[in-house]
PDB file of N, CA and C in Angstrom:
ATOM      1  N   MET A   1       3.212  24.958   7.761  1.00  0.00           N
ATOM      2  CA  MET A   1       2.991  23.625   7.211  1.00  0.00           C
ATOM      3  C   MET A   1       1.889  22.925   7.996  1.00  0.00           C
ATOM      4  N   ARG A   2       0.982  22.320   7.289  1.00  0.00           N
ATOM      5  CA  ARG A   2      -0.114  21.615   7.923  1.00  0.00           C
ATOM      6  C   ARG A   2       0.382  20.299   8.503  1.00  0.00           C
ATOM      7  N   THR A   3       0.034  20.059   9.735  1.00  0.00           N
ATOM      8  CA  THR A   3       0.365  18.771  10.335  1.00  0.00           C
ATOM      9  C   THR A   3      -0.937  18.067  10.659  1.00  0.00           C
ATOM     10  N   GLY A   4      -0.949  16.794  10.484  1.00  0.00           N
ATOM     11  CA  GLY A   4      -2.157  16.028  10.736  1.00  0.00           C
ATOM     12  C   GLY A   4      -1.815  14.594  11.035  1.00  0.00           C
ATOM     13  N   ALA A   5      -2.823  13.765  10.956  1.00  0.00           N
ATOM     14  CA  ALA A   5      -2.657  12.349  11.259  1.00  0.00           C
ATOM     15  C   ALA A   5      -1.732  11.689  10.243  1.00  0.00           C
ATOM     16  N   VAL A   6      -0.825  10.881  10.756  1.00  0.00           N
ATOM     17  CA  VAL A   6       0.149  10.190   9.921  1.00  0.00           C
ATOM     18  C   VAL A   6      -0.010   8.694  10.144  1.00  0.00           C
ATOM     19  N   CYS A   7       0.049   7.924   9.069  1.00  0.00           N
ATOM     20  CA  CYS A   7       0.098   6.474   9.173  1.00  0.00           C
ATOM     21  C   CYS A   7       1.554   6.064   9.016  1.00  0.00           C
ATOM     22  N   GLY A   8       2.069   5.338  10.006  1.00  0.00           N
ATOM     23  CA  GLY A   8       3.435   4.850   9.930  1.00  0.00           C
ATOM     24  C   GLY A   8       4.401   5.776  10.623  1.00  0.00           C
ATOM     25  N   PRO A   9       5.653   5.473  10.607  1.00  0.00           N
ATOM     26  CA  PRO A   9       6.191   4.211  10.106  1.00  0.00           C
ATOM     27  C   PRO A   9       5.907   3.070  11.069  1.00  0.00           C
ATOM     28  N   GLY A  10       5.706   1.908  10.527  1.00  0.00           N
ATOM     29  CA  GLY A  10       5.384   0.748  11.353  1.00  0.00           C
ATOM     30  C   GLY A  10       6.616  -0.050  11.726  1.00  0.00           C
ATOM     31  N   PRO A  11       6.428  -1.097  12.518  1.00  0.00           N
ATOM     32  CA  PRO A  11       7.555  -1.902  12.995  1.00  0.00           C
ATOM     33  C   PRO A  11       8.075  -2.926  11.990  1.00  0.00           C
ATOM     34  N   ALA A  12       7.275  -3.254  10.982  1.00  0.00           N
ATOM     35  CA  ALA A  12       7.718  -4.240   9.987  1.00  0.00           C
ATOM     36  C   ALA A  12       8.579  -3.542   8.937  1.00  0.00           C
ATOM     37  N   ARG A  13       9.231  -4.333   8.091  1.00  0.00           N
ATOM     38  CA  ARG A  13      10.045  -3.787   7.003  1.00  0.00           C
ATOM     39  C   ARG A  13       9.550  -4.363   5.681  1.00  0.00           C
ATOM     40  N   LEU A  14       9.390  -3.492   4.688  1.00  0.00           N
ATOM     41  CA  LEU A  14       8.991  -3.910   3.346  1.00  0.00           C
ATOM     42  C   LEU A  14      10.241  -4.193   2.533  1.00  0.00           C
ATOM     43  N   ARG A  15      10.244  -5.332   1.855  1.00  0.00           N
ATOM     44  CA  ARG A  15      11.358  -5.707   0.986  1.00  0.00           C
ATOM     45  C   ARG A  15      10.857  -5.900  -0.434  1.00  0.00           C
ATOM     46  N   VAL A  16      11.698  -5.514  -1.387  1.00  0.00           N
ATOM     47  CA  VAL A  16      11.430  -5.726  -2.814  1.00  0.00           C
ATOM     48  C   VAL A  16      12.504  -6.679  -3.317  1.00  0.00           C
ATOM     49  N   ASP A  17      12.097  -7.871  -3.732  1.00  0.00           N
ATOM     50  CA  ASP A  17      13.045  -8.912  -4.156  1.00  0.00           C
ATOM     51  C   ASP A  17      14.166  -9.091  -3.137  1.00  0.00           C
ATOM     52  N   GLY A  18      13.804  -9.041  -1.845  1.00  0.00           N
ATOM     53  CA  GLY A  18      14.751  -9.282  -0.768  1.00  0.00           C
ATOM     54  C   GLY A  18      15.515  -8.064  -0.285  1.00  0.00           C
ATOM     55  N   THR A  19      15.387  -6.930  -0.969  1.00  0.00           N
ATOM     56  CA  THR A  19      16.087  -5.709  -0.572  1.00  0.00           C
ATOM     57  C   THR A  19      15.179  -4.838   0.279  1.00  0.00           C
ATOM     58  N   ASP A  20      15.632  -4.481   1.458  1.00  0.00           N
ATOM     59  CA  ASP A  20      14.861  -3.637   2.370  1.00  0.00           C
ATOM     60  C   ASP A  20      14.683  -2.242   1.758  1.00  0.00           C
ATOM     61  N   VAL A  21      13.416  -1.760   1.735  1.00  0.00           N
ATOM     62  CA  VAL A  21      13.168  -0.432   1.154  1.00  0.00           C
ATOM     63  C   VAL A  21      12.482   0.542   2.094  1.00  0.00           C
ATOM     64  N   ALA A  22      11.692   0.052   3.070  1.00  0.00           N
ATOM     65  CA  ALA A  22      10.940   0.991   3.907  1.00  0.00           C
ATOM     66  C   ALA A  22      10.331   0.312   5.123  1.00  0.00           C
ATOM     67  N   ALA A  23       9.980   1.144   6.102  1.00  0.00           N
ATOM     68  CA  ALA A  23       9.181   0.669   7.237  1.00  0.00           C
ATOM     69  C   ALA A  23       7.777   0.377   6.739  1.00  0.00           C
ATOM     70  N   ALA A  24       7.095  -0.531   7.398  1.00  0.00           N
ATOM     71  CA  ALA A  24       5.736  -0.886   6.971  1.00  0.00           C
ATOM     72  C   ALA A  24       4.829  -1.121   8.167  1.00  0.00           C
ATOM     73  N   THR A  25       3.596  -0.717   7.997  1.00  0.00           N
ATOM     74  CA  THR A  25       2.527  -0.996   8.946  1.00  0.00           C
ATOM     75  C   THR A  25       1.655  -2.069   8.316  1.00  0.00           C
ATOM     76  N   VAL A  26       1.142  -2.991   9.114  1.00  0.00           N
ATOM     77  CA  VAL A  26       0.296  -4.062   8.594  1.00  0.00           C
ATOM     78  C   VAL A  26      -1.126  -3.874   9.102  1.00  0.00           C
ATOM     79  N   ALA A  27      -2.075  -3.871   8.183  1.00  0.00           N
ATOM     80  CA  ALA A  27      -3.498  -3.851   8.524  1.00  0.00           C
ATOM     81  C   ALA A  27      -4.003  -5.275   8.318  1.00  0.00           C
ATOM     82  N   ASP A  28      -4.202  -6.008   9.432  1.00  0.00           N
ATOM     83  CA  ASP A  28      -4.549  -7.420   9.315  1.00  0.00           C
ATOM     84  C   ASP A  28      -5.761  -7.840  10.146  1.00  0.00           C
ATOM     85  N   THR A  29      -6.511  -6.870  10.620  1.00  0.00           N
ATOM     86  CA  THR A  29      -7.762  -7.172  11.312  1.00  0.00           C
ATOM     87  C   THR A  29      -8.893  -6.530  10.513  1.00  0.00           C
ATOM     88  N   PRO A  30     -10.126  -6.987  10.699  1.00  0.00           N
ATOM     89  CA  PRO A  30     -11.233  -6.352   9.961  1.00  0.00           C
ATOM     90  C   PRO A  30     -11.274  -4.833  10.177  1.00  0.00           C
ATOM     91  N   ALA A  31     -11.042  -4.382  11.390  1.00  0.00           N
ATOM     92  CA  ALA A  31     -11.104  -2.945  11.672  1.00  0.00           C
ATOM     93  C   ALA A  31      -9.976  -2.179  10.993  1.00  0.00           C
ATOM     94  N   THR A  32      -8.753  -2.686  11.064  1.00  0.00           N
ATOM     95  CA  THR A  32      -7.630  -1.956  10.456  1.00  0.00           C
ATOM     96  C   THR A  32      -7.677  -2.021   8.932  1.00  0.00           C
ATOM     97  N   ARG A  33      -8.170  -3.143   8.380  1.00  0.00           N
ATOM     98  CA  ARG A  33      -8.316  -3.228   6.919  1.00  0.00           C
ATOM     99  C   ARG A  33      -9.387  -2.251   6.433  1.00  0.00           C
ATOM    100  N   ARG A  34     -10.477  -2.160   7.163  1.00  0.00           N
ATOM    101  CA  ARG A  34     -11.579  -1.254   6.785  1.00  0.00           C
ATOM    102  C   ARG A  34     -11.128   0.205   6.857  1.00  0.00           C
ATOM    103  N   LYS A  35     -10.373   0.552   7.882  1.00  0.00           N
ATOM    104  CA  LYS A  35      -9.919   1.940   8.054  1.00  0.00           C
ATOM    105  C   LYS A  35      -8.843   2.321   7.048  1.00  0.00           C
ATOM    106  N   GLY A  36      -7.861   1.452   6.825  1.00  0.00           N
ATOM    107  CA  GLY A  36      -6.788   1.768   5.892  1.00  0.00           C
ATOM    108  C   GLY A  36      -6.141   3.098   6.215  1.00  0.00           C
ATOM    109  N   LEU A  37      -6.088   3.997   5.236  1.00  0.00           N
ATOM    110  CA  LEU A  37      -5.486   5.317   5.413  1.00  0.00           C
ATOM    111  C   LEU A  37      -6.519   6.410   5.660  1.00  0.00           C
ATOM    112  N   LEU A  38      -7.784   6.037   5.774  1.00  0.00           N
ATOM    113  CA  LEU A  38      -8.811   7.047   6.011  1.00  0.00           C
ATOM    114  C   LEU A  38      -8.517   7.831   7.278  1.00  0.00           C
ATOM    115  N   GLY A  39      -8.689   9.135   7.186  1.00  0.00           N
ATOM    116  CA  GLY A  39      -8.463   9.999   8.335  1.00  0.00           C
ATOM    117  C   GLY A  39      -7.024  10.439   8.504  1.00  0.00           C
ATOM    118  N   THR A  40      -6.142  10.002   7.617  1.00  0.00           N
ATOM    119  CA  THR A  40      -4.750  10.419   7.696  1.00  0.00           C
ATOM    120  C   THR A  40      -4.456  11.499   6.656  1.00  0.00           C
ATOM    121  N   ASP A  41      -3.396  12.253   6.907  1.00  0.00           N
ATOM    122  CA  ASP A  41      -2.973  13.299   5.981  1.00  0.00           C
ATOM    123  C   ASP A  41      -1.729  12.914   5.195  1.00  0.00           C
ATOM    124  N   ARG A  42      -1.056  11.852   5.636  1.00  0.00           N
ATOM    125  CA  ARG A  42       0.102  11.367   4.901  1.00  0.00           C
ATOM    126  C   ARG A  42       0.490   9.978   5.417  1.00  0.00           C
ATOM    127  N   LEU A  43       1.315   9.332   4.615  1.00  0.00           N
ATOM    128  CA  LEU A  43       1.788   7.987   4.920  1.00  0.00           C
ATOM    129  C   LEU A  43       3.305   7.995   4.935  1.00  0.00           C
ATOM    130  N   GLU A  44       3.884   7.437   5.990  1.00  0.00           N
ATOM    131  CA  GLU A  44       5.337   7.255   6.066  1.00  0.00           C
ATOM    132  C   GLU A  44       5.611   5.770   5.935  1.00  0.00           C
ATOM    133  N   GLY A  45       6.393   5.405   4.951  1.00  0.00           N
ATOM    134  CA  GLY A  45       6.657   3.991   4.696  1.00  0.00           C
ATOM    135  C   GLY A  45       5.540   3.408   3.857  1.00  0.00           C
ATOM    136  N   ALA A  46       5.103   2.213   4.231  1.00  0.00           N
ATOM    137  CA  ALA A  46       4.079   1.512   3.457  1.00  0.00           C
ATOM    138  C   ALA A  46       3.013   0.955   4.394  1.00  0.00           C
ATOM    139  N   LEU A  47       1.840   0.723   3.829  1.00  0.00           N
ATOM    140  CA  LEU A  47       0.749   0.057   4.544  1.00  0.00           C
ATOM    141  C   LEU A  47       0.406  -1.200   3.777  1.00  0.00           C
ATOM    142  N   TRP A  48       0.636  -2.365   4.385  1.00  0.00           N
ATOM    143  CA  TRP A  48       0.334  -3.669   3.775  1.00  0.00           C
ATOM    144  C   TRP A  48      -1.024  -4.095   4.304  1.00  0.00           C
ATOM    145  N   ILE A  49      -2.006  -4.194   3.420  1.00  0.00           N
ATOM    146  CA  ILE A  49      -3.368  -4.551   3.820  1.00  0.00           C
ATOM    147  C   ILE A  49      -3.623  -5.999   3.405  1.00  0.00           C
ATOM    148  N   THR A  50      -3.718  -6.883   4.389  1.00  0.00           N
ATOM    149  CA  THR A  50      -3.920  -8.303   4.113  1.00  0.00           C
ATOM    150  C   THR A  50      -5.348  -8.556   3.640  1.00  0.00           C
ATOM    151  N   ARG A  51      -5.516  -9.682   2.924  1.00  0.00           N
ATOM    152  CA  ARG A  51      -6.843 -10.095   2.442  1.00  0.00           C
ATOM    153  C   ARG A  51      -7.586  -8.929   1.793  1.00  0.00           C
ATOM    154  N   CYS A  52      -6.879  -8.195   0.933  1.00  0.00           N
ATOM    155  CA  CYS A  52      -7.427  -6.990   0.321  1.00  0.00           C
ATOM    156  C   CYS A  52      -7.070  -6.971  -1.168  1.00  0.00           C
ATOM    157  N   PRO A  53      -7.943  -7.488  -2.032  1.00  0.00           N
ATOM    158  CA  PRO A  53      -7.623  -7.536  -3.455  1.00  0.00           C
ATOM    159  C   PRO A  53      -7.881  -6.228  -4.209  1.00  0.00           C
ATOM    160  N   THR A  54      -8.537  -5.263  -3.571  1.00  0.00           N
ATOM    161  CA  THR A  54      -8.852  -4.007  -4.242  1.00  0.00           C
ATOM    162  C   THR A  54      -8.993  -2.889  -3.217  1.00  0.00           C
ATOM    163  N   VAL A  55      -8.678  -1.661  -3.624  1.00  0.00           N
ATOM    164  CA  VAL A  55      -8.842  -0.495  -2.752  1.00  0.00           C
ATOM    165  C   VAL A  55      -9.520   0.625  -3.539  1.00  0.00           C
ATOM    166  N   HIS A  56     -10.130   1.550  -2.793  1.00  0.00           N
ATOM    167  CA  HIS A  56     -10.733   2.734  -3.408  1.00  0.00           C
ATOM    168  C   HIS A  56     -10.226   3.970  -2.679  1.00  0.00           C
ATOM    169  N   MET A  57     -10.444   5.105  -3.281  1.00  0.00           N
ATOM    170  CA  MET A  57      -9.923   6.359  -2.730  1.00  0.00           C
ATOM    171  C   MET A  57     -11.025   7.281  -2.195  1.00  0.00           C
ATOM    172  N   VAL A  58     -12.230   6.787  -2.049  1.00  0.00           N
ATOM    173  CA  VAL A  58     -13.321   7.597  -1.506  1.00  0.00           C
ATOM    174  C   VAL A  58     -12.964   8.008  -0.082  1.00  0.00           C
ATOM    175  N   GLY A  59     -12.979   9.303   0.174  1.00  0.00           N
ATOM    176  CA  GLY A  59     -12.662   9.821   1.501  1.00  0.00           C
ATOM    177  C   GLY A  59     -11.194  10.108   1.733  1.00  0.00           C
ATOM    178  N   MET A  60     -10.343   9.768   0.763  1.00  0.00           N
ATOM    179  CA  MET A  60      -8.901  10.000   0.932  1.00  0.00           C
ATOM    180  C   MET A  60      -8.548  11.460   0.686  1.00  0.00           C
ATOM    181  N   ARG A  61      -7.490  11.926   1.351  1.00  0.00           N
ATOM    182  CA  ARG A  61      -7.060  13.325   1.274  1.00  0.00           C
ATOM    183  C   ARG A  61      -5.848  13.539   0.376  1.00  0.00           C
ATOM    184  N   TYR A  62      -5.178  12.471  -0.032  1.00  0.00           N
ATOM    185  CA  TYR A  62      -3.936  12.611  -0.790  1.00  0.00           C
ATOM    186  C   TYR A  62      -3.760  11.409  -1.722  1.00  0.00           C
ATOM    187  N   PRO A  63      -3.002  11.591  -2.814  1.00  0.00           N
ATOM    188  CA  PRO A  63      -2.767  10.481  -3.735  1.00  0.00           C
ATOM    189  C   PRO A  63      -1.790   9.468  -3.139  1.00  0.00           C
ATOM    190  N   ILE A  64      -1.854   8.239  -3.637  1.00  0.00           N
ATOM    191  CA  ILE A  64      -0.944   7.180  -3.190  1.00  0.00           C
ATOM    192  C   ILE A  64      -0.561   6.291  -4.370  1.00  0.00           C
ATOM    193  N   ASP A  65       0.541   5.583  -4.225  1.00  0.00           N
ATOM    194  CA  ASP A  65       0.905   4.496  -5.126  1.00  0.00           C
ATOM    195  C   ASP A  65       0.420   3.204  -4.479  1.00  0.00           C
ATOM    196  N   VAL A  66      -0.004   2.249  -5.298  1.00  0.00           N
ATOM    197  CA  VAL A  66      -0.440   0.951  -4.775  1.00  0.00           C
ATOM    198  C   VAL A  66       0.153  -0.180  -5.606  1.00  0.00           C
ATOM    199  N   ALA A  67       0.374  -1.298  -4.932  1.00  0.00           N
ATOM    200  CA  ALA A  67       0.794  -2.533  -5.590  1.00  0.00           C
ATOM    201  C   ALA A  67      -0.120  -3.639  -5.075  1.00  0.00           C
ATOM    202  N   VAL A  68      -0.752  -4.353  -5.987  1.00  0.00           N
ATOM    203  CA  VAL A  68      -1.601  -5.484  -5.641  1.00  0.00           C
ATOM    204  C   VAL A  68      -0.750  -6.736  -5.805  1.00  0.00           C
ATOM    205  N   VAL A  69      -0.723  -7.577  -4.754  1.00  0.00           N
ATOM    206  CA  VAL A  69       0.139  -8.762  -4.772  1.00  0.00           C
ATOM    207  C   VAL A  69      -0.665 -10.038  -4.539  1.00  0.00           C
ATOM    208  N   ASP A  70      -0.085 -11.174  -4.981  1.00  0.00           N
ATOM    209  CA  ASP A  70      -0.700 -12.474  -4.715  1.00  0.00           C
ATOM    210  C   ASP A  70      -0.153 -13.032  -3.403  1.00  0.00           C
ATOM    211  N   ARG A  71      -0.508 -14.262  -3.076  1.00  0.00           N
ATOM    212  CA  ARG A  71      -0.094 -14.861  -1.794  1.00  0.00           C
ATOM    213  C   ARG A  71       1.419 -14.987  -1.645  1.00  0.00           C
ATOM    214  N   GLU A  72       2.126 -15.103  -2.748  1.00  0.00           N
ATOM    215  CA  GLU A  72       3.584 -15.209  -2.707  1.00  0.00           C
ATOM    216  C   GLU A  72       4.256 -13.838  -2.697  1.00  0.00           C
ATOM    217  N   GLY A  73       3.465 -12.768  -2.817  1.00  0.00           N
ATOM    218  CA  GLY A  73       4.015 -11.417  -2.838  1.00  0.00           C
ATOM    219  C   GLY A  73       4.371 -10.904  -4.221  1.00  0.00           C
ATOM    220  N   THR A  74       4.058 -11.683  -5.247  1.00  0.00           N
ATOM    221  CA  THR A  74       4.340 -11.259  -6.615  1.00  0.00           C
ATOM    222  C   THR A  74       3.407 -10.112  -6.993  1.00  0.00           C
ATOM    223  N   VAL A  75       3.974  -9.041  -7.499  1.00  0.00           N
ATOM    224  CA  VAL A  75       3.177  -7.864  -7.874  1.00  0.00           C
ATOM    225  C   VAL A  75       2.377  -8.168  -9.135  1.00  0.00           C
ATOM    226  N   LEU A  76       1.057  -8.063  -9.021  1.00  0.00           N
ATOM    227  CA  LEU A  76       0.142  -8.308 -10.133  1.00  0.00           C
ATOM    228  C   LEU A  76      -0.238  -7.029 -10.860  1.00  0.00           C
ATOM    229  N   HIS A  77      -0.243  -5.914 -10.120  1.00  0.00           N
ATOM    230  CA  HIS A  77      -0.708  -4.643 -10.689  1.00  0.00           C
ATOM    231  C   HIS A  77      -0.145  -3.491  -9.862  1.00  0.00           C
ATOM    232  N   THR A  78       0.176  -2.385 -10.520  1.00  0.00           N
ATOM    233  CA  THR A  78       0.585  -1.166  -9.825  1.00  0.00           C
ATOM    234  C   THR A  78      -0.207   0.008 -10.381  1.00  0.00           C
ATOM    235  N   ALA A  79      -0.381   1.029  -9.557  1.00  0.00           N
ATOM    236  CA  ALA A  79      -1.106   2.225 -10.001  1.00  0.00           C
ATOM    237  C   ALA A  79      -0.834   3.376  -9.050  1.00  0.00           C
ATOM    238  N   THR A  80      -1.027   4.575  -9.562  1.00  0.00           N
ATOM    239  CA  THR A  80      -1.056   5.773  -8.738  1.00  0.00           C
ATOM    240  C   THR A  80      -2.507   6.216  -8.705  1.00  0.00           C
ATOM    241  N   LEU A  81      -3.054   6.370  -7.505  1.00  0.00           N
ATOM    242  CA  LEU A  81      -4.476   6.690  -7.339  1.00  0.00           C
ATOM    243  C   LEU A  81      -4.660   8.090  -6.781  1.00  0.00           C
ATOM    244  N   ARG A  82      -5.647   8.800  -7.306  1.00  0.00           N
ATOM    245  CA  ARG A  82      -5.972  10.150  -6.859  1.00  0.00           C
ATOM    246  C   ARG A  82      -7.077  10.111  -5.805  1.00  0.00           C
ATOM    247  N   PRO A  83      -7.081  11.087  -4.889  1.00  0.00           N
ATOM    248  CA  PRO A  83      -8.141  11.146  -3.881  1.00  0.00           C
ATOM    249  C   PRO A  83      -9.523  11.215  -4.528  1.00  0.00           C
ATOM    250  N   TRP A  84     -10.458  10.498  -3.948  1.00  0.00           N
ATOM    251  CA  TRP A  84     -11.868  10.474  -4.320  1.00  0.00           C
ATOM    252  C   TRP A  84     -12.169   9.770  -5.639  1.00  0.00           C
ATOM    253  N   TRP A  85     -11.218   9.640  -6.550  1.00  0.00           N
ATOM    254  CA  TRP A  85     -11.520   9.100  -7.877  1.00  0.00           C
ATOM    255  C   TRP A  85     -10.898   7.752  -8.161  1.00  0.00           C
ATOM    256  N   GLY A  86      -9.796   7.445  -7.565  1.00  0.00           N
ATOM    257  CA  GLY A  86      -9.079   6.240  -7.937  1.00  0.00           C
ATOM    258  C   GLY A  86      -9.578   4.986  -7.260  1.00  0.00           C
ATOM    259  N   MET A  87      -9.322   3.863  -7.923  1.00  0.00           N
ATOM    260  CA  MET A  87      -9.586   2.549  -7.335  1.00  0.00           C
ATOM    261  C   MET A  87      -8.848   1.504  -8.156  1.00  0.00           C
ATOM    262  N   THR A  88      -8.597   0.366  -7.539  1.00  0.00           N
ATOM    263  CA  THR A  88      -8.042  -0.762  -8.279  1.00  0.00           C
ATOM    264  C   THR A  88      -9.165  -1.751  -8.527  1.00  0.00           C
ATOM    265  N   MET A  89      -9.104  -2.393  -9.662  1.00  0.00           N
ATOM    266  CA  MET A  89     -10.079  -3.430  -9.978  1.00  0.00           C
ATOM    267  C   MET A  89      -9.608  -4.748  -9.359  1.00  0.00           C
ATOM    268  N   PRO A  90     -10.542  -5.574  -8.923  1.00  0.00           N
ATOM    269  CA  PRO A  90     -10.126  -6.867  -8.357  1.00  0.00           C
ATOM    270  C   PRO A  90      -9.325  -7.672  -9.389  1.00  0.00           C
ATOM    271  N   ARG A  91      -8.281  -8.308  -8.939  1.00  0.00           N
ATOM    272  CA  ARG A  91      -7.415  -9.114  -9.799  1.00  0.00           C
ATOM    273  C   ARG A  91      -7.512 -10.571  -9.374  1.00  0.00           C
ATOM    274  N   TRP A  92      -7.554 -11.456 -10.353  1.00  0.00           N
ATOM    275  CA  TRP A  92      -7.535 -12.877 -10.067  1.00  0.00           C
ATOM    276  C   TRP A  92      -6.241 -13.192  -9.348  1.00  0.00           C
ATOM    277  N   ARG A  93      -6.282 -13.940  -8.262  1.00  0.00           N
ATOM    278  CA  ARG A  93      -5.153 -14.335  -7.417  1.00  0.00           C
ATOM    279  C   ARG A  93      -4.693 -13.250  -6.459  1.00  0.00           C
ATOM    280  N   ALA A  94      -5.306 -12.070  -6.468  1.00  0.00           N
ATOM    281  CA  ALA A  94      -4.875 -10.996  -5.564  1.00  0.00           C
ATOM    282  C   ALA A  94      -5.130 -11.389  -4.119  1.00  0.00           C
ATOM    283  N   SER A  95      -4.165 -11.078  -3.257  1.00  0.00           N
ATOM    284  CA  SER A  95      -4.265 -11.428  -1.850  1.00  0.00           C
ATOM    285  C   SER A  95      -4.150 -10.211  -0.936  1.00  0.00           C
ATOM    286  N   ALA A  96      -3.316  -9.249  -1.312  1.00  0.00           N
ATOM    287  CA  ALA A  96      -3.077  -8.071  -0.477  1.00  0.00           C
ATOM    288  C   ALA A  96      -2.813  -6.864  -1.358  1.00  0.00           C
ATOM    289  N   THR A  97      -2.971  -5.699  -0.764  1.00  0.00           N
ATOM    290  CA  THR A  97      -2.627  -4.454  -1.444  1.00  0.00           C
ATOM    291  C   THR A  97      -1.656  -3.694  -0.558  1.00  0.00           C
ATOM    292  N   VAL A  98      -0.605  -3.175  -1.173  1.00  0.00           N
ATOM    293  CA  VAL A  98       0.392  -2.394  -0.452  1.00  0.00           C
ATOM    294  C   VAL A  98       0.248  -0.936  -0.907  1.00  0.00           C
ATOM    295  N   GLU A  99      -0.013  -0.057   0.054  1.00  0.00           N
ATOM    296  CA  GLU A  99      -0.158   1.367  -0.243  1.00  0.00           C
ATOM    297  C   GLU A  99       1.100   2.087   0.200  1.00  0.00           C
ATOM    298  N   MET A 100       1.512   3.102  -0.567  1.00  0.00           N
ATOM    299  CA  MET A 100       2.761   3.815  -0.285  1.00  0.00           C
ATOM    300  C   MET A 100       2.675   5.238  -0.829  1.00  0.00           C
ATOM    301  N   PRO A 101       3.547   6.125  -0.369  1.00  0.00           N
ATOM    302  CA  PRO A 101       3.523   7.496  -0.872  1.00  0.00           C
ATOM    303  C   PRO A 101       3.755   7.547  -2.384  1.00  0.00           C
ATOM    304  N   VAL A 102       3.170   8.538  -3.037  1.00  0.00           N
ATOM    305  CA  VAL A 102       3.376   8.721  -4.471  1.00  0.00           C
ATOM    306  C   VAL A 102       4.869   8.843  -4.763  1.00  0.00           C
ATOM    307  N   GLY A 103       5.308   8.153  -5.800  1.00  0.00           N
ATOM    308  CA  GLY A 103       6.724   8.132  -6.179  1.00  0.00           C
ATOM    309  C   GLY A 103       7.454   6.915  -5.668  1.00  0.00           C
ATOM    310  N   SER A 104       6.862   6.197  -4.714  1.00  0.00           N
ATOM    311  CA  SER A 104       7.524   5.030  -4.134  1.00  0.00           C
ATOM    312  C   SER A 104       7.667   3.887  -5.126  1.00  0.00           C
ATOM    313  N   LEU A 105       6.677   3.691  -5.990  1.00  0.00           N
ATOM    314  CA  LEU A 105       6.798   2.622  -6.988  1.00  0.00           C
ATOM    315  C   LEU A 105       8.085   2.815  -7.785  1.00  0.00           C
ATOM    316  N   ARG A 106       8.316   4.029  -8.237  1.00  0.00           N
ATOM    317  CA  ARG A 106       9.523   4.354  -9.007  1.00  0.00           C
ATOM    318  C   ARG A 106      10.766   4.273  -8.115  1.00  0.00           C
ATOM    319  N   ASP A 107      10.717   4.933  -6.969  1.00  0.00           N
ATOM    320  CA  ASP A 107      11.888   5.013  -6.095  1.00  0.00           C
ATOM    321  C   ASP A 107      12.331   3.653  -5.568  1.00  0.00           C
ATOM    322  N   TRP A 108      11.386   2.771  -5.299  1.00  0.00           N
ATOM    323  CA  TRP A 108      11.707   1.465  -4.732  1.00  0.00           C
ATOM    324  C   TRP A 108      11.812   0.369  -5.796  1.00  0.00           C
ATOM    325  N   GLY A 109      11.592   0.731  -7.062  1.00  0.00           N
ATOM    326  CA  GLY A 109      11.719  -0.243  -8.150  1.00  0.00           C
ATOM    327  C   GLY A 109      10.621  -1.282  -8.179  1.00  0.00           C
ATOM    328  N   ILE A 110       9.429  -0.904  -7.766  1.00  0.00           N
ATOM    329  CA  ILE A 110       8.317  -1.861  -7.734  1.00  0.00           C
ATOM    330  C   ILE A 110       7.590  -1.839  -9.079  1.00  0.00           C
ATOM    331  N   THR A 111       7.635  -2.980  -9.749  1.00  0.00           N
ATOM    332  CA  THR A 111       6.949  -3.164 -11.028  1.00  0.00           C
ATOM    333  C   THR A 111       6.274  -4.533 -11.024  1.00  0.00           C
ATOM    334  N   ARG A 112       5.408  -4.728 -11.980  1.00  0.00           N
ATOM    335  CA  ARG A 112       4.716  -6.016 -12.122  1.00  0.00           C
ATOM    336  C   ARG A 112       5.751  -7.135 -12.236  1.00  0.00           C
ATOM    337  N   GLY A 113       5.522  -8.204 -11.463  1.00  0.00           N
ATOM    338  CA  GLY A 113       6.417  -9.352 -11.477  1.00  0.00           C
ATOM    339  C   GLY A 113       7.463  -9.371 -10.377  1.00  0.00           C
ATOM    340  N   ARG A 114       7.740  -8.207  -9.763  1.00  0.00           N
ATOM    341  CA  ARG A 114       8.674  -8.172  -8.639  1.00  0.00           C
ATOM    342  C   ARG A 114       8.009  -8.826  -7.431  1.00  0.00           C
ATOM    343  N   THR A 115       8.772  -9.140  -6.398  1.00  0.00           N
ATOM    344  CA  THR A 115       8.239  -9.801  -5.209  1.00  0.00           C
ATOM    345  C   THR A 115       8.381  -8.883  -4.005  1.00  0.00           C
ATOM    346  N   LEU A 116       7.261  -8.632  -3.325  1.00  0.00           N
ATOM    347  CA  LEU A 116       7.246  -7.849  -2.096  1.00  0.00           C
ATOM    348  C   LEU A 116       7.081  -8.790  -0.915  1.00  0.00           C
ATOM    349  N   SER A 117       7.733  -8.454   0.182  1.00  0.00           N
ATOM    350  CA  SER A 117       7.604  -9.255   1.398  1.00  0.00           C
ATOM    351  C   SER A 117       7.757  -8.372   2.606  1.00  0.00           C
ATOM    352  N   LEU A 118       7.303  -8.883   3.751  1.00  0.00           N
ATOM    353  CA  LEU A 118       7.419  -8.184   5.031  1.00  0.00           C
ATOM    354  C   LEU A 118       8.378  -8.928   5.939  1.00  0.00           C
ATOM    355  N   HIS A 119       9.150  -8.179   6.694  1.00  0.00           N
ATOM    356  CA  HIS A 119      10.061  -8.780   7.682  1.00  0.00           C
ATOM    357  C   HIS A 119      10.096  -7.939   8.921  1.00  0.00           C
TER     358      HIS A 119
END
């Protein structure tokens, strides 16, 4: 089995409508927001990228699920993105993007209109 760089699990906790679902890492500096998941081979938990209304998959090694949220954490858009080809379009009111392993949107019940938060 190939082992490589892993993002997470972080010290924060991701909640969906108040229910704890996973560990989370927060990217909240220019350097950590710019890096995101680049250079990693997998993600454990979630990566909450502040001040990030859109993401792209150029340079990524694996697919991910994403949720774009507004300032209150309301999910505006969800998608599964493929390496090198995927991206989210900027959304009006978007404030952050939450990246997670493929299948997490389904497993954690994340859909448009739900509320995500960090604790």
